[in-house]
N, C-alpha and C. Protein backbone atom coordinates (compact mmCIF):
# COMPACT_ATOMS: atom_id res chain seq x y z
N UNK A 1 -16.98 2.36 1.96
CA UNK A 1 -16.40 3.69 1.85
C UNK A 1 -15.53 3.75 0.60
N UNK A 2 -15.41 4.94 0.04
CA UNK A 2 -14.53 5.14 -1.11
C UNK A 2 -13.17 5.61 -0.61
N UNK A 3 -12.13 5.15 -1.29
CA UNK A 3 -10.75 5.51 -1.01
C UNK A 3 -10.11 5.94 -2.33
N UNK A 4 -9.32 7.00 -2.31
CA UNK A 4 -8.74 7.50 -3.56
C UNK A 4 -7.25 7.76 -3.40
N UNK A 5 -6.51 7.44 -4.45
CA UNK A 5 -5.08 7.69 -4.51
C UNK A 5 -4.67 7.98 -5.95
N UNK A 6 -3.38 8.14 -6.14
CA UNK A 6 -2.83 8.41 -7.47
C UNK A 6 -2.90 7.17 -8.35
N UNK A 7 -3.12 7.38 -9.62
CA UNK A 7 -3.14 6.29 -10.58
C UNK A 7 -1.72 5.76 -10.81
N UNK A 8 -1.62 4.67 -11.56
CA UNK A 8 -0.35 3.99 -11.86
C UNK A 8 0.30 3.50 -10.57
N UNK A 9 -0.36 2.55 -9.94
CA UNK A 9 0.05 2.05 -8.63
C UNK A 9 1.45 1.45 -8.67
N UNK A 10 2.11 1.57 -7.53
CA UNK A 10 3.43 0.97 -7.31
C UNK A 10 3.40 0.40 -5.90
N UNK A 11 4.51 0.16 -5.27
CA UNK A 11 4.57 -0.57 -4.01
C UNK A 11 3.56 -0.09 -2.97
N UNK A 12 3.66 1.14 -2.51
CA UNK A 12 2.79 1.63 -1.43
C UNK A 12 1.34 1.70 -1.87
N UNK A 13 1.10 2.03 -3.13
CA UNK A 13 -0.26 2.14 -3.64
C UNK A 13 -0.85 0.80 -4.06
N UNK A 14 -0.10 -0.28 -3.87
CA UNK A 14 -0.64 -1.63 -3.95
C UNK A 14 -0.83 -2.14 -2.53
N UNK A 15 0.17 -1.92 -1.70
CA UNK A 15 0.11 -2.39 -0.31
C UNK A 15 -1.03 -1.74 0.45
N UNK A 16 -1.25 -0.45 0.25
CA UNK A 16 -2.33 0.24 0.97
C UNK A 16 -3.71 -0.33 0.65
N UNK A 17 -4.07 -0.49 -0.62
CA UNK A 17 -5.37 -1.11 -0.90
C UNK A 17 -5.48 -2.53 -0.33
N UNK A 18 -4.38 -3.28 -0.36
CA UNK A 18 -4.40 -4.62 0.23
C UNK A 18 -4.72 -4.51 1.73
N UNK A 19 -4.04 -3.62 2.42
CA UNK A 19 -4.27 -3.42 3.86
C UNK A 19 -5.70 -2.96 4.12
N UNK A 20 -6.17 -2.02 3.34
CA UNK A 20 -7.53 -1.50 3.50
C UNK A 20 -8.54 -2.63 3.33
N UNK A 21 -8.42 -3.38 2.24
CA UNK A 21 -9.39 -4.45 1.95
C UNK A 21 -9.31 -5.61 2.96
N UNK A 22 -8.12 -5.91 3.43
CA UNK A 22 -7.96 -7.07 4.31
C UNK A 22 -8.16 -6.75 5.80
N UNK A 23 -7.89 -5.51 6.23
CA UNK A 23 -7.88 -5.22 7.66
C UNK A 23 -8.67 -3.98 8.09
N UNK A 24 -9.06 -3.13 7.15
CA UNK A 24 -9.72 -1.88 7.53
C UNK A 24 -11.15 -1.79 7.01
N UNK A 25 -11.34 -2.01 5.73
CA UNK A 25 -12.63 -1.80 5.08
C UNK A 25 -12.80 -2.81 3.95
N UNK A 26 -13.26 -4.04 4.25
CA UNK A 26 -13.37 -5.08 3.23
C UNK A 26 -14.23 -4.68 2.03
N UNK A 27 -15.18 -3.79 2.21
CA UNK A 27 -16.05 -3.36 1.12
C UNK A 27 -15.57 -2.10 0.43
N UNK A 28 -14.33 -1.73 0.65
CA UNK A 28 -13.81 -0.48 0.09
C UNK A 28 -13.95 -0.41 -1.43
N UNK A 29 -14.31 0.78 -1.90
CA UNK A 29 -14.31 1.06 -3.33
C UNK A 29 -13.06 1.89 -3.60
N UNK A 30 -12.19 1.37 -4.45
CA UNK A 30 -10.90 2.00 -4.71
C UNK A 30 -10.95 2.83 -5.98
N UNK A 31 -10.50 4.08 -5.86
CA UNK A 31 -10.48 5.01 -6.99
C UNK A 31 -9.05 5.44 -7.26
N UNK A 32 -8.71 5.61 -8.54
CA UNK A 32 -7.38 6.04 -8.94
C UNK A 32 -7.52 7.21 -9.90
N UNK A 33 -6.82 8.29 -9.59
CA UNK A 33 -6.94 9.52 -10.38
C UNK A 33 -5.54 10.09 -10.62
N UNK A 34 -5.42 11.04 -11.58
CA UNK A 34 -4.12 11.70 -11.75
C UNK A 34 -3.67 12.34 -10.44
N UNK A 35 -2.34 12.36 -10.25
CA UNK A 35 -1.78 12.78 -8.96
C UNK A 35 -2.22 14.17 -8.52
N UNK A 36 -2.48 15.07 -9.46
CA UNK A 36 -2.89 16.43 -9.08
C UNK A 36 -4.39 16.53 -8.79
N UNK A 37 -5.11 15.41 -8.87
CA UNK A 37 -6.56 15.43 -8.64
C UNK A 37 -7.01 14.63 -7.41
N UNK A 38 -6.07 14.07 -6.65
CA UNK A 38 -6.44 13.21 -5.53
C UNK A 38 -7.30 13.94 -4.51
N UNK A 39 -6.87 15.11 -4.09
CA UNK A 39 -7.61 15.81 -3.04
C UNK A 39 -8.97 16.32 -3.54
N UNK A 40 -9.03 16.81 -4.76
CA UNK A 40 -10.31 17.27 -5.29
C UNK A 40 -11.26 16.09 -5.53
N UNK A 41 -10.73 14.96 -5.98
CA UNK A 41 -11.55 13.76 -6.16
C UNK A 41 -12.06 13.25 -4.82
N UNK A 42 -11.21 13.33 -3.79
CA UNK A 42 -11.63 12.91 -2.45
C UNK A 42 -12.82 13.74 -1.99
N UNK A 43 -12.75 15.03 -2.21
CA UNK A 43 -13.85 15.92 -1.81
C UNK A 43 -15.10 15.63 -2.64
N UNK A 44 -14.94 15.53 -3.94
CA UNK A 44 -16.09 15.32 -4.84
C UNK A 44 -16.75 13.97 -4.62
N UNK A 45 -15.96 12.95 -4.31
CA UNK A 45 -16.48 11.59 -4.16
C UNK A 45 -16.74 11.19 -2.71
N UNK A 46 -16.49 12.13 -1.78
CA UNK A 46 -16.58 11.84 -0.35
C UNK A 46 -15.75 10.59 -0.03
N UNK A 47 -14.50 10.63 -0.50
CA UNK A 47 -13.59 9.49 -0.37
C UNK A 47 -12.43 9.84 0.56
N UNK A 48 -11.79 8.82 1.09
CA UNK A 48 -10.63 8.99 1.94
C UNK A 48 -9.39 8.99 1.05
N UNK A 49 -8.63 10.08 1.05
CA UNK A 49 -7.41 10.12 0.23
C UNK A 49 -6.24 9.47 0.96
N UNK A 50 -5.37 8.84 0.20
CA UNK A 50 -4.15 8.26 0.77
C UNK A 50 -3.05 8.30 -0.28
N UNK A 51 -1.81 8.28 0.19
CA UNK A 51 -0.62 8.32 -0.66
C UNK A 51 -0.78 9.36 -1.77
N UNK A 52 -0.92 10.59 -1.34
CA UNK A 52 -1.20 11.69 -2.26
C UNK A 52 -0.08 12.73 -2.26
N UNK A 53 1.16 12.26 -2.34
CA UNK A 53 2.32 13.17 -2.37
C UNK A 53 2.37 14.11 -1.18
N UNK A 54 2.08 13.58 0.01
CA UNK A 54 2.19 14.37 1.23
C UNK A 54 1.00 15.26 1.53
N UNK A 55 -0.05 15.19 0.74
CA UNK A 55 -1.21 16.07 0.92
C UNK A 55 -2.29 15.49 1.82
N UNK A 56 -2.24 14.20 2.09
CA UNK A 56 -3.31 13.54 2.84
C UNK A 56 -2.81 13.12 4.23
N UNK A 57 -3.75 12.91 5.13
CA UNK A 57 -3.40 12.40 6.45
C UNK A 57 -2.75 11.02 6.33
N UNK A 58 -3.26 10.19 5.44
CA UNK A 58 -2.75 8.83 5.26
C UNK A 58 -1.71 8.84 4.14
N UNK A 59 -0.55 9.34 4.48
CA UNK A 59 0.49 9.60 3.50
C UNK A 59 1.85 9.36 4.14
N UNK A 60 2.89 9.71 3.45
CA UNK A 60 4.24 9.67 4.02
C UNK A 60 4.37 10.83 5.00
N UNK A 61 4.54 10.50 6.28
CA UNK A 61 4.71 11.50 7.34
C UNK A 61 5.65 10.96 8.40
N UNK A 62 6.47 11.82 8.94
CA UNK A 62 7.34 11.48 10.08
C UNK A 62 8.11 10.18 9.86
N UNK A 63 8.61 9.98 8.67
CA UNK A 63 9.39 8.80 8.35
C UNK A 63 8.58 7.57 7.99
N UNK A 64 7.26 7.68 8.04
CA UNK A 64 6.39 6.54 7.69
C UNK A 64 6.02 6.60 6.21
N UNK A 65 5.77 5.42 5.64
CA UNK A 65 5.14 5.38 4.32
C UNK A 65 3.62 5.35 4.56
N UNK A 66 2.85 5.46 3.51
CA UNK A 66 1.39 5.52 3.65
C UNK A 66 0.81 4.26 4.29
N UNK A 67 1.37 3.10 3.97
CA UNK A 67 0.93 1.84 4.56
C UNK A 67 1.02 1.93 6.08
N UNK A 68 2.14 2.44 6.58
CA UNK A 68 2.34 2.57 8.02
C UNK A 68 1.40 3.62 8.62
N UNK A 69 1.10 4.68 7.88
CA UNK A 69 0.17 5.70 8.37
C UNK A 69 -1.24 5.13 8.50
N UNK A 70 -1.64 4.28 7.56
CA UNK A 70 -2.95 3.63 7.65
C UNK A 70 -2.98 2.68 8.84
N UNK A 71 -1.91 1.92 9.03
CA UNK A 71 -1.84 1.02 10.19
C UNK A 71 -2.01 1.80 11.49
N UNK A 72 -1.33 2.91 11.60
CA UNK A 72 -1.38 3.73 12.80
C UNK A 72 -2.79 4.29 13.03
N UNK A 73 -3.36 4.88 11.99
CA UNK A 73 -4.69 5.50 12.09
C UNK A 73 -5.76 4.48 12.49
N UNK A 74 -5.69 3.29 11.92
CA UNK A 74 -6.74 2.28 12.14
C UNK A 74 -6.31 1.19 13.13
N UNK A 75 -5.22 1.45 13.84
CA UNK A 75 -4.75 0.58 14.92
C UNK A 75 -4.60 -0.89 14.47
N UNK A 76 -3.98 -1.08 13.31
CA UNK A 76 -3.72 -2.43 12.82
C UNK A 76 -2.40 -2.89 13.44
N UNK A 77 -2.50 -3.87 14.33
CA UNK A 77 -1.32 -4.33 15.07
C UNK A 77 -1.01 -5.80 14.84
N UNK A 78 -1.71 -6.42 13.92
CA UNK A 78 -1.48 -7.83 13.60
C UNK A 78 0.02 -8.04 13.33
N UNK A 79 0.64 -9.03 13.99
CA UNK A 79 2.08 -9.24 13.82
C UNK A 79 2.53 -9.48 12.38
N UNK A 80 1.72 -10.15 11.60
CA UNK A 80 2.05 -10.36 10.19
C UNK A 80 2.07 -9.05 9.42
N UNK A 81 1.13 -8.18 9.71
CA UNK A 81 1.07 -6.88 9.04
C UNK A 81 2.24 -6.01 9.48
N UNK A 82 2.60 -6.08 10.76
CA UNK A 82 3.74 -5.31 11.26
C UNK A 82 5.02 -5.72 10.51
N UNK A 83 5.20 -7.01 10.33
CA UNK A 83 6.35 -7.49 9.56
C UNK A 83 6.29 -7.07 8.11
N UNK A 84 5.12 -7.17 7.52
CA UNK A 84 4.93 -6.76 6.13
C UNK A 84 5.21 -5.27 5.97
N UNK A 85 4.84 -4.48 6.95
CA UNK A 85 5.08 -3.03 6.88
C UNK A 85 6.56 -2.71 6.73
N UNK A 86 7.41 -3.49 7.37
CA UNK A 86 8.86 -3.26 7.25
C UNK A 86 9.33 -3.50 5.82
N UNK A 87 8.78 -4.52 5.19
CA UNK A 87 9.15 -4.83 3.80
C UNK A 87 8.61 -3.75 2.87
N UNK A 88 7.35 -3.39 3.05
CA UNK A 88 6.72 -2.36 2.21
C UNK A 88 7.48 -1.05 2.35
N UNK A 89 7.77 -0.66 3.57
CA UNK A 89 8.50 0.60 3.81
C UNK A 89 9.84 0.58 3.06
N UNK A 90 10.59 -0.49 3.23
CA UNK A 90 11.90 -0.58 2.60
C UNK A 90 11.81 -0.61 1.07
N UNK A 91 10.78 -1.25 0.54
CA UNK A 91 10.60 -1.30 -0.91
C UNK A 91 10.15 0.04 -1.47
N UNK A 92 9.41 0.80 -0.67
CA UNK A 92 8.84 2.07 -1.14
C UNK A 92 9.78 3.25 -0.92
N UNK A 93 10.57 3.21 0.11
CA UNK A 93 11.45 4.33 0.45
C UNK A 93 12.87 3.92 0.06
N UNK A 94 13.33 4.42 -1.07
CA UNK A 94 14.61 3.99 -1.63
C UNK A 94 15.76 4.13 -0.64
N UNK A 95 15.76 5.16 0.16
CA UNK A 95 16.84 5.36 1.14
C UNK A 95 16.88 4.26 2.19
N UNK A 96 15.77 3.57 2.39
CA UNK A 96 15.69 2.51 3.39
C UNK A 96 15.67 1.11 2.77
N UNK A 97 15.97 1.00 1.49
CA UNK A 97 15.88 -0.27 0.76
C UNK A 97 16.64 -1.40 1.45
N UNK A 98 17.77 -1.09 2.07
CA UNK A 98 18.59 -2.13 2.69
C UNK A 98 18.11 -2.57 4.07
N UNK A 99 16.99 -2.04 4.55
CA UNK A 99 16.52 -2.39 5.89
C UNK A 99 15.69 -3.67 5.94
N UNK A 100 15.32 -4.19 4.79
CA UNK A 100 14.58 -5.47 4.72
C UNK A 100 15.08 -6.23 3.50
N UNK A 101 15.58 -7.44 3.68
CA UNK A 101 16.14 -8.17 2.54
C UNK A 101 15.14 -8.46 1.43
N UNK A 102 13.86 -8.50 1.75
CA UNK A 102 12.82 -8.79 0.75
C UNK A 102 12.44 -7.56 -0.08
N UNK A 103 12.88 -6.39 0.31
CA UNK A 103 12.43 -5.14 -0.30
C UNK A 103 12.76 -5.02 -1.78
N UNK A 104 13.97 -5.35 -2.16
CA UNK A 104 14.36 -5.23 -3.57
C UNK A 104 13.48 -6.13 -4.45
N UNK A 105 13.18 -7.32 -3.97
CA UNK A 105 12.32 -8.22 -4.72
C UNK A 105 10.91 -7.68 -4.87
N UNK A 106 10.37 -7.12 -3.78
CA UNK A 106 9.02 -6.56 -3.85
C UNK A 106 8.98 -5.37 -4.80
N UNK A 107 10.00 -4.53 -4.75
CA UNK A 107 10.06 -3.38 -5.67
C UNK A 107 10.13 -3.85 -7.12
N UNK A 108 10.90 -4.90 -7.39
CA UNK A 108 11.00 -5.43 -8.75
C UNK A 108 9.67 -6.03 -9.21
N UNK A 109 9.01 -6.74 -8.31
CA UNK A 109 7.70 -7.31 -8.64
C UNK A 109 6.70 -6.21 -8.96
N UNK A 110 6.68 -5.16 -8.15
CA UNK A 110 5.77 -4.03 -8.39
C UNK A 110 6.06 -3.38 -9.74
N UNK A 111 7.34 -3.21 -10.06
CA UNK A 111 7.72 -2.61 -11.34
C UNK A 111 7.23 -3.49 -12.49
N UNK A 112 7.43 -4.79 -12.36
CA UNK A 112 7.00 -5.72 -13.42
C UNK A 112 5.50 -5.71 -13.63
N UNK A 113 4.73 -5.71 -12.53
CA UNK A 113 3.27 -5.64 -12.68
C UNK A 113 2.84 -4.30 -13.27
N UNK A 114 3.53 -3.24 -12.90
CA UNK A 114 3.22 -1.93 -13.48
C UNK A 114 3.44 -1.91 -14.99
N UNK A 115 4.47 -2.60 -15.44
CA UNK A 115 4.73 -2.68 -16.88
C UNK A 115 3.74 -3.60 -17.58
N UNK A 116 3.27 -4.61 -16.86
CA UNK A 116 2.30 -5.55 -17.42
C UNK A 116 0.91 -4.93 -17.54
N UNK A 117 0.53 -4.13 -16.54
CA UNK A 117 -0.80 -3.50 -16.50
C UNK A 117 -0.65 -1.99 -16.36
N UNK A 118 -0.08 -1.32 -17.37
CA UNK A 118 0.22 0.11 -17.22
C UNK A 118 -1.01 1.02 -17.13
N UNK A 119 -2.13 0.56 -17.65
CA UNK A 119 -3.31 1.42 -17.69
C UNK A 119 -4.52 0.82 -17.00
N UNK A 120 -4.29 -0.16 -16.11
CA UNK A 120 -5.41 -0.79 -15.43
C UNK A 120 -5.01 -1.10 -13.98
N UNK A 121 -5.17 -0.08 -13.14
CA UNK A 121 -4.77 -0.21 -11.74
C UNK A 121 -5.55 -1.30 -11.01
N UNK A 122 -6.83 -1.43 -11.28
CA UNK A 122 -7.62 -2.46 -10.60
C UNK A 122 -7.16 -3.87 -10.97
N UNK A 123 -6.82 -4.09 -12.23
CA UNK A 123 -6.29 -5.39 -12.66
C UNK A 123 -4.93 -5.63 -12.02
N UNK A 124 -4.12 -4.59 -11.95
CA UNK A 124 -2.81 -4.68 -11.31
C UNK A 124 -2.98 -5.13 -9.85
N UNK A 125 -3.91 -4.50 -9.14
CA UNK A 125 -4.17 -4.90 -7.75
C UNK A 125 -4.64 -6.35 -7.66
N UNK A 126 -5.57 -6.70 -8.54
CA UNK A 126 -6.10 -8.07 -8.53
C UNK A 126 -4.98 -9.09 -8.67
N UNK A 127 -4.02 -8.80 -9.53
CA UNK A 127 -2.92 -9.72 -9.77
C UNK A 127 -1.89 -9.70 -8.64
N UNK A 128 -1.70 -8.54 -8.01
CA UNK A 128 -0.69 -8.43 -6.95
C UNK A 128 -1.17 -8.82 -5.56
N UNK A 129 -2.46 -8.75 -5.30
CA UNK A 129 -2.94 -9.09 -3.96
C UNK A 129 -2.48 -10.48 -3.50
N UNK A 130 -2.44 -11.51 -4.36
CA UNK A 130 -1.93 -12.80 -3.90
C UNK A 130 -0.46 -12.73 -3.44
N UNK A 131 0.32 -11.84 -4.05
CA UNK A 131 1.70 -11.66 -3.61
C UNK A 131 1.71 -11.13 -2.17
N UNK A 132 0.84 -10.16 -1.89
CA UNK A 132 0.77 -9.60 -0.54
C UNK A 132 0.16 -10.60 0.45
N UNK A 133 -0.79 -11.40 -0.01
CA UNK A 133 -1.33 -12.46 0.86
C UNK A 133 -0.21 -13.41 1.27
N UNK A 134 0.63 -13.79 0.30
CA UNK A 134 1.73 -14.70 0.58
C UNK A 134 2.78 -14.05 1.48
N UNK A 135 3.12 -12.81 1.22
CA UNK A 135 4.08 -12.10 2.08
C UNK A 135 3.54 -11.94 3.49
N UNK A 136 2.25 -11.69 3.60
CA UNK A 136 1.62 -11.59 4.92
C UNK A 136 1.77 -12.91 5.67
N UNK A 137 1.49 -14.03 5.02
CA UNK A 137 1.62 -15.34 5.66
C UNK A 137 3.07 -15.61 6.06
N UNK A 138 4.00 -15.22 5.21
CA UNK A 138 5.42 -15.35 5.50
C UNK A 138 5.79 -14.55 6.75
N UNK A 139 5.33 -13.30 6.81
CA UNK A 139 5.63 -12.42 7.94
C UNK A 139 4.95 -12.91 9.22
N UNK A 140 3.74 -13.42 9.08
CA UNK A 140 3.00 -13.94 10.23
C UNK A 140 3.72 -15.17 10.81
N UNK A 141 4.17 -16.06 9.94
CA UNK A 141 4.91 -17.24 10.40
C UNK A 141 6.23 -16.84 11.04
N UNK A 142 6.89 -15.88 10.46
CA UNK A 142 8.15 -15.38 11.01
C UNK A 142 7.95 -14.74 12.38
N UNK A 143 6.85 -14.03 12.55
CA UNK A 143 6.56 -13.35 13.81
C UNK A 143 6.23 -14.34 14.95
N UNK A 144 5.63 -15.47 14.60
CA UNK A 144 5.25 -16.44 15.63
C UNK A 144 6.37 -17.43 15.93
N UNK A 145 7.42 -17.37 15.15
CA UNK A 145 8.58 -18.26 15.32
C UNK A 145 9.64 -17.50 16.11
N UNK A 146 9.50 -17.51 17.41
CA UNK A 146 10.41 -16.73 18.26
C UNK A 146 11.52 -17.58 18.79
């Protein structure tokens, strides 16, 4: 399936493709378009829109970030992902930055990768996915250590 979001990925728009590829749709084709074209591109490409400035079902709604909306829609309940969602939410929603100690670091990493790959979202994702794989393992280990 095709999935589309805004270009110039940052925290939520890196975390969402990671979640999609790892837990929802391993064969996903990821598309990135200017922010004002997400919904029209979704229609034209028969793609699922996400993180589209509040215009999509899989977006920031009811206090959730897009990552959390995707988890809810696709019933992703893996304990490692649940823990990762708290970090992603805090890193993506500035008002909630202090709710996860790892959030500031993740936001800084996302900013650095954005500066390193300003015009290549797919390369940015390729480089950042190992960060999310590692954070997932960290959260999974933390969740099983009761």
